[in-house]
N, C-alpha and C. Protein backbone atom coordinates (compact mmCIF):
# COMPACT_ATOMS: atom_id res chain seq x y z
N MET A 1 196.19 21.85 275.00
CA MET A 1 196.83 22.07 276.28
C MET A 1 196.34 20.99 277.23
N SER A 2 197.29 20.29 277.80
CA SER A 2 196.93 19.19 278.68
C SER A 2 196.54 19.73 280.06
N LEU A 3 195.97 18.85 280.84
CA LEU A 3 195.55 19.22 282.19
C LEU A 3 196.74 19.63 283.06
N ALA A 4 197.87 18.93 282.91
CA ALA A 4 199.07 19.25 283.69
C ALA A 4 199.59 20.65 283.34
N ASP A 5 199.53 21.00 282.05
CA ASP A 5 199.97 22.34 281.64
C ASP A 5 199.05 23.42 282.20
N ARG A 6 197.76 23.16 282.17
CA ARG A 6 196.80 24.14 282.71
C ARG A 6 196.99 24.31 284.20
N ILE A 7 197.23 23.21 284.93
CA ILE A 7 197.45 23.29 286.38
C ILE A 7 198.73 24.08 286.67
N GLU A 8 199.77 23.81 285.90
CA GLU A 8 201.04 24.53 286.09
C GLU A 8 200.87 26.02 285.80
N THR A 9 200.15 26.36 284.76
CA THR A 9 199.88 27.77 284.44
C THR A 9 199.10 28.44 285.57
N TYR A 10 198.10 27.73 286.07
CA TYR A 10 197.30 28.26 287.17
C TYR A 10 198.15 28.46 288.43
N ARG A 11 199.02 27.50 288.74
CA ARG A 11 199.90 27.61 289.92
C ARG A 11 200.84 28.81 289.78
N GLU A 12 201.40 29.01 288.57
CA GLU A 12 202.27 30.16 288.35
C GLU A 12 201.51 31.47 288.53
N TYR A 13 200.29 31.52 288.01
CA TYR A 13 199.47 32.72 288.13
C TYR A 13 199.16 33.01 289.60
N VAL A 14 198.77 31.99 290.36
CA VAL A 14 198.44 32.17 291.78
C VAL A 14 199.69 32.56 292.57
N SER A 15 200.82 31.94 292.23
CA SER A 15 202.08 32.27 292.92
C SER A 15 202.46 33.73 292.67
N GLU A 16 202.35 34.19 291.44
CA GLU A 16 202.66 35.59 291.12
C GLU A 16 201.69 36.53 291.84
N TRP A 17 200.43 36.17 291.87
CA TRP A 17 199.43 37.00 292.54
C TRP A 17 199.72 37.09 294.04
N LEU A 18 200.08 35.97 294.67
CA LEU A 18 200.39 35.97 296.09
C LEU A 18 201.65 36.78 296.40
N ARG A 19 202.67 36.69 295.52
CA ARG A 19 203.86 37.51 295.71
C ARG A 19 203.51 38.99 295.65
N GLY A 20 202.67 39.38 294.71
CA GLY A 20 202.24 40.77 294.61
C GLY A 20 201.43 41.20 295.82
N LEU A 21 200.58 40.33 296.30
CA LEU A 21 199.78 40.64 297.49
C LEU A 21 200.68 40.83 298.71
N TYR A 22 201.66 39.94 298.88
CA TYR A 22 202.59 40.05 300.01
C TYR A 22 203.39 41.34 299.91
N HIS A 23 203.88 41.64 298.72
CA HIS A 23 204.66 42.87 298.55
C HIS A 23 203.81 44.11 298.82
N GLY A 24 202.59 44.12 298.33
CA GLY A 24 201.73 45.28 298.50
C GLY A 24 201.23 45.48 299.91
N MET A 25 201.02 44.39 300.64
CA MET A 25 200.46 44.52 301.98
C MET A 25 201.51 44.56 303.08
N ILE A 26 202.62 43.90 302.88
CA ILE A 26 203.58 43.75 303.98
C ILE A 26 204.92 44.41 303.68
N SER A 27 205.57 44.00 302.62
CA SER A 27 206.95 44.46 302.44
C SER A 27 207.04 45.89 301.94
N HIS A 28 206.19 46.34 301.04
CA HIS A 28 206.29 47.70 300.50
C HIS A 28 206.09 48.77 301.57
N PRO A 29 205.05 48.69 302.40
CA PRO A 29 204.92 49.69 303.46
C PRO A 29 206.10 49.68 304.42
N ALA A 30 206.66 48.50 304.67
CA ALA A 30 207.82 48.42 305.56
C ALA A 30 209.02 49.10 304.92
N TYR A 31 209.23 48.91 303.62
CA TYR A 31 210.34 49.57 302.94
C TYR A 31 210.17 51.08 302.98
N GLU A 32 208.95 51.56 302.75
CA GLU A 32 208.70 53.00 302.80
C GLU A 32 209.00 53.56 304.18
N LEU A 33 208.58 52.85 305.20
CA LEU A 33 208.81 53.30 306.57
C LEU A 33 210.30 53.32 306.90
N ILE A 34 211.02 52.31 306.48
CA ILE A 34 212.46 52.25 306.73
C ILE A 34 213.17 53.37 305.98
N GLU A 35 212.77 53.64 304.73
CA GLU A 35 213.40 54.71 303.97
C GLU A 35 213.13 56.07 304.60
N LYS A 36 211.92 56.31 305.07
CA LYS A 36 211.61 57.58 305.72
C LYS A 36 212.39 57.74 307.02
N GLU A 37 212.50 56.68 307.77
CA GLU A 37 213.25 56.74 309.02
C GLU A 37 214.73 57.01 308.76
N ALA A 38 215.29 56.36 307.74
CA ALA A 38 216.69 56.58 307.39
C ALA A 38 216.91 58.02 306.93
N GLU A 39 215.95 58.56 306.18
CA GLU A 39 216.06 59.96 305.74
C GLU A 39 215.98 60.91 306.93
N ASP A 40 215.13 60.61 307.90
CA ASP A 40 215.03 61.45 309.10
C ASP A 40 216.34 61.42 309.90
N VAL A 41 216.95 60.25 310.01
CA VAL A 41 218.22 60.15 310.74
C VAL A 41 219.31 60.91 309.99
N GLU A 42 219.30 60.81 308.67
CA GLU A 42 220.28 61.56 307.88
C GLU A 42 220.07 63.07 308.05
N ASP A 43 218.81 63.51 308.07
CA ASP A 43 218.51 64.93 308.28
C ASP A 43 219.03 65.40 309.63
N GLU A 44 218.84 64.59 310.65
CA GLU A 44 219.30 64.96 311.98
C GLU A 44 220.83 65.03 312.04
N PHE A 45 221.49 64.09 311.39
CA PHE A 45 222.95 64.10 311.36
C PHE A 45 223.47 65.34 310.64
N MET A 46 222.87 65.64 309.49
CA MET A 46 223.33 66.80 308.72
C MET A 46 223.06 68.10 309.49
N LEU A 47 221.93 68.19 310.17
CA LEU A 47 221.63 69.38 310.96
C LEU A 47 222.59 69.52 312.13
N ALA A 48 222.99 68.40 312.73
CA ALA A 48 223.96 68.46 313.82
C ALA A 48 225.34 68.87 313.31
N CYS A 49 225.67 68.47 312.09
CA CYS A 49 226.99 68.81 311.54
C CYS A 49 227.04 70.22 310.95
N PHE A 50 225.95 70.67 310.34
CA PHE A 50 225.96 71.95 309.63
C PHE A 50 224.80 72.85 310.05
N PRO A 51 224.71 73.23 311.32
CA PRO A 51 223.61 74.10 311.73
C PRO A 51 223.78 75.54 311.23
N ASP A 52 224.99 75.92 310.83
CA ASP A 52 225.24 77.28 310.34
C ASP A 52 224.44 77.60 309.08
N VAL A 53 224.05 76.57 308.35
CA VAL A 53 223.27 76.77 307.13
C VAL A 53 221.96 77.48 307.44
N PHE A 54 221.41 77.22 308.62
CA PHE A 54 220.13 77.81 309.00
C PHE A 54 220.28 78.92 310.04
N GLY A 55 221.53 79.38 310.25
CA GLY A 55 221.75 80.49 311.15
C GLY A 55 221.90 80.13 312.60
N VAL A 56 222.07 78.87 312.89
CA VAL A 56 222.26 78.44 314.27
C VAL A 56 223.77 78.36 314.51
N PRO A 57 224.31 79.17 315.42
CA PRO A 57 225.75 79.12 315.65
C PRO A 57 226.18 77.80 316.26
N SER A 58 227.33 77.32 315.82
CA SER A 58 227.84 76.04 316.31
C SER A 58 229.33 76.14 316.56
N PRO A 59 229.77 75.76 317.74
CA PRO A 59 231.20 75.83 318.01
C PRO A 59 232.01 74.75 317.29
N ILE A 60 231.35 73.72 316.78
CA ILE A 60 232.08 72.64 316.11
C ILE A 60 232.05 72.77 314.59
N SER A 61 231.53 73.85 314.07
CA SER A 61 231.42 73.97 312.61
C SER A 61 232.78 73.98 311.93
N TYR A 62 233.81 74.44 312.62
CA TYR A 62 235.16 74.41 312.05
C TYR A 62 235.58 72.97 311.77
N TYR A 63 235.25 72.07 312.64
CA TYR A 63 235.65 70.67 312.48
C TYR A 63 234.74 69.92 311.52
N THR A 64 233.46 70.23 311.55
CA THR A 64 232.54 69.52 310.64
C THR A 64 232.69 70.01 309.21
N ALA A 65 233.31 71.16 308.99
CA ALA A 65 233.55 71.63 307.63
C ALA A 65 234.47 70.67 306.88
N GLU A 66 235.29 69.92 307.61
CA GLU A 66 236.16 68.94 306.98
C GLU A 66 235.37 67.78 306.36
N LEU A 67 234.14 67.58 306.81
CA LEU A 67 233.30 66.51 306.25
C LEU A 67 232.64 66.92 304.93
N LEU A 68 232.59 68.20 304.67
CA LEU A 68 231.85 68.70 303.51
C LEU A 68 232.29 68.07 302.18
N PRO A 69 233.57 67.89 301.90
CA PRO A 69 233.92 67.25 300.62
C PRO A 69 233.35 65.84 300.47
N TYR A 70 233.18 65.14 301.58
CA TYR A 70 232.66 63.77 301.52
C TYR A 70 231.14 63.73 301.45
N LEU A 71 230.50 64.80 301.86
CA LEU A 71 229.03 64.83 301.93
C LEU A 71 228.42 65.83 300.95
N THR A 72 229.14 66.20 299.92
CA THR A 72 228.67 67.25 299.00
C THR A 72 227.33 66.90 298.37
N ASP A 73 227.20 65.70 297.81
CA ASP A 73 225.95 65.32 297.14
C ASP A 73 224.79 65.27 298.13
N GLU A 74 225.03 64.66 299.28
CA GLU A 74 223.98 64.57 300.29
C GLU A 74 223.63 65.94 300.85
N PHE A 75 224.64 66.81 300.97
CA PHE A 75 224.42 68.14 301.52
C PHE A 75 223.50 68.96 300.65
N GLU A 76 223.73 68.93 299.35
CA GLU A 76 222.88 69.71 298.43
C GLU A 76 221.44 69.22 298.47
N ALA A 77 221.25 67.92 298.44
CA ALA A 77 219.89 67.37 298.48
C ALA A 77 219.23 67.68 299.81
N TRP A 78 219.98 67.57 300.91
CA TRP A 78 219.45 67.87 302.24
C TRP A 78 219.05 69.33 302.34
N GLU A 79 219.90 70.22 301.86
CA GLU A 79 219.61 71.65 301.94
C GLU A 79 218.36 72.00 301.14
N ARG A 80 218.23 71.44 299.94
CA ARG A 80 217.01 71.68 299.15
C ARG A 80 215.78 71.16 299.86
N ARG A 81 215.89 69.98 300.44
CA ARG A 81 214.75 69.38 301.13
C ARG A 81 214.36 70.20 302.36
N MET A 82 215.32 70.71 303.09
CA MET A 82 215.03 71.49 304.29
C MET A 82 214.43 72.86 303.96
N TRP A 83 214.87 73.46 302.86
CA TRP A 83 214.34 74.78 302.51
C TRP A 83 212.96 74.68 301.87
N ASP A 84 212.59 73.51 301.37
CA ASP A 84 211.25 73.32 300.81
C ASP A 84 210.31 72.98 301.96
N ARG A 85 209.78 74.01 302.59
CA ARG A 85 209.00 73.83 303.81
C ARG A 85 207.73 73.02 303.59
N GLU A 86 207.12 73.16 302.42
CA GLU A 86 205.88 72.41 302.18
C GLU A 86 206.13 70.91 302.24
N SER A 87 207.19 70.46 301.61
CA SER A 87 207.44 69.02 301.61
C SER A 87 207.84 68.54 303.01
N LEU A 88 208.58 69.38 303.77
CA LEU A 88 208.99 68.99 305.11
C LEU A 88 207.77 68.87 306.03
N ILE A 89 206.91 69.86 305.99
CA ILE A 89 205.70 69.81 306.83
C ILE A 89 204.79 68.66 306.40
N GLU A 90 204.70 68.46 305.12
CA GLU A 90 203.87 67.37 304.60
C GLU A 90 204.40 66.01 305.05
N ARG A 91 205.73 65.82 304.98
CA ARG A 91 206.33 64.55 305.41
C ARG A 91 206.13 64.30 306.89
N LYS A 92 206.36 65.33 307.70
CA LYS A 92 206.21 65.17 309.13
C LYS A 92 204.75 64.95 309.49
N GLY A 93 203.84 65.58 308.78
CA GLY A 93 202.43 65.39 309.03
C GLY A 93 201.96 63.98 308.72
N GLN A 94 202.56 63.35 307.72
CA GLN A 94 202.22 61.98 307.38
C GLN A 94 202.57 61.02 308.50
N GLN A 95 203.65 61.31 309.21
CA GLN A 95 204.06 60.44 310.30
C GLN A 95 203.03 60.41 311.43
N TYR A 96 202.35 61.55 311.61
CA TYR A 96 201.37 61.65 312.70
C TYR A 96 199.94 61.62 312.20
N HIS A 97 199.77 61.23 310.92
CA HIS A 97 198.44 61.02 310.29
C HIS A 97 197.61 62.30 310.28
N PHE A 98 198.23 63.43 309.94
CA PHE A 98 197.47 64.69 309.77
C PHE A 98 196.99 64.79 308.37
């Protein structure tokens, strides 16, 4: 193995290591934060559209029922997530470092 090959191998190794370091320190936590924020916004939207699921009367539920065929997959996942109180409290607690 020549010196040029060893230098190139070393540069590739350092480059891969730096990409992993950048992803682990900067981009990954940002992606997690963005995903959690998007999920919170989706939860708020679904709760505004379908409050009857939790017994909160809503005068607009007749109109938002028309959205249900388009939001079926999201609705089921949202409903499961909302009824699982441990995960909801745990997620909200993480935001405030409890």
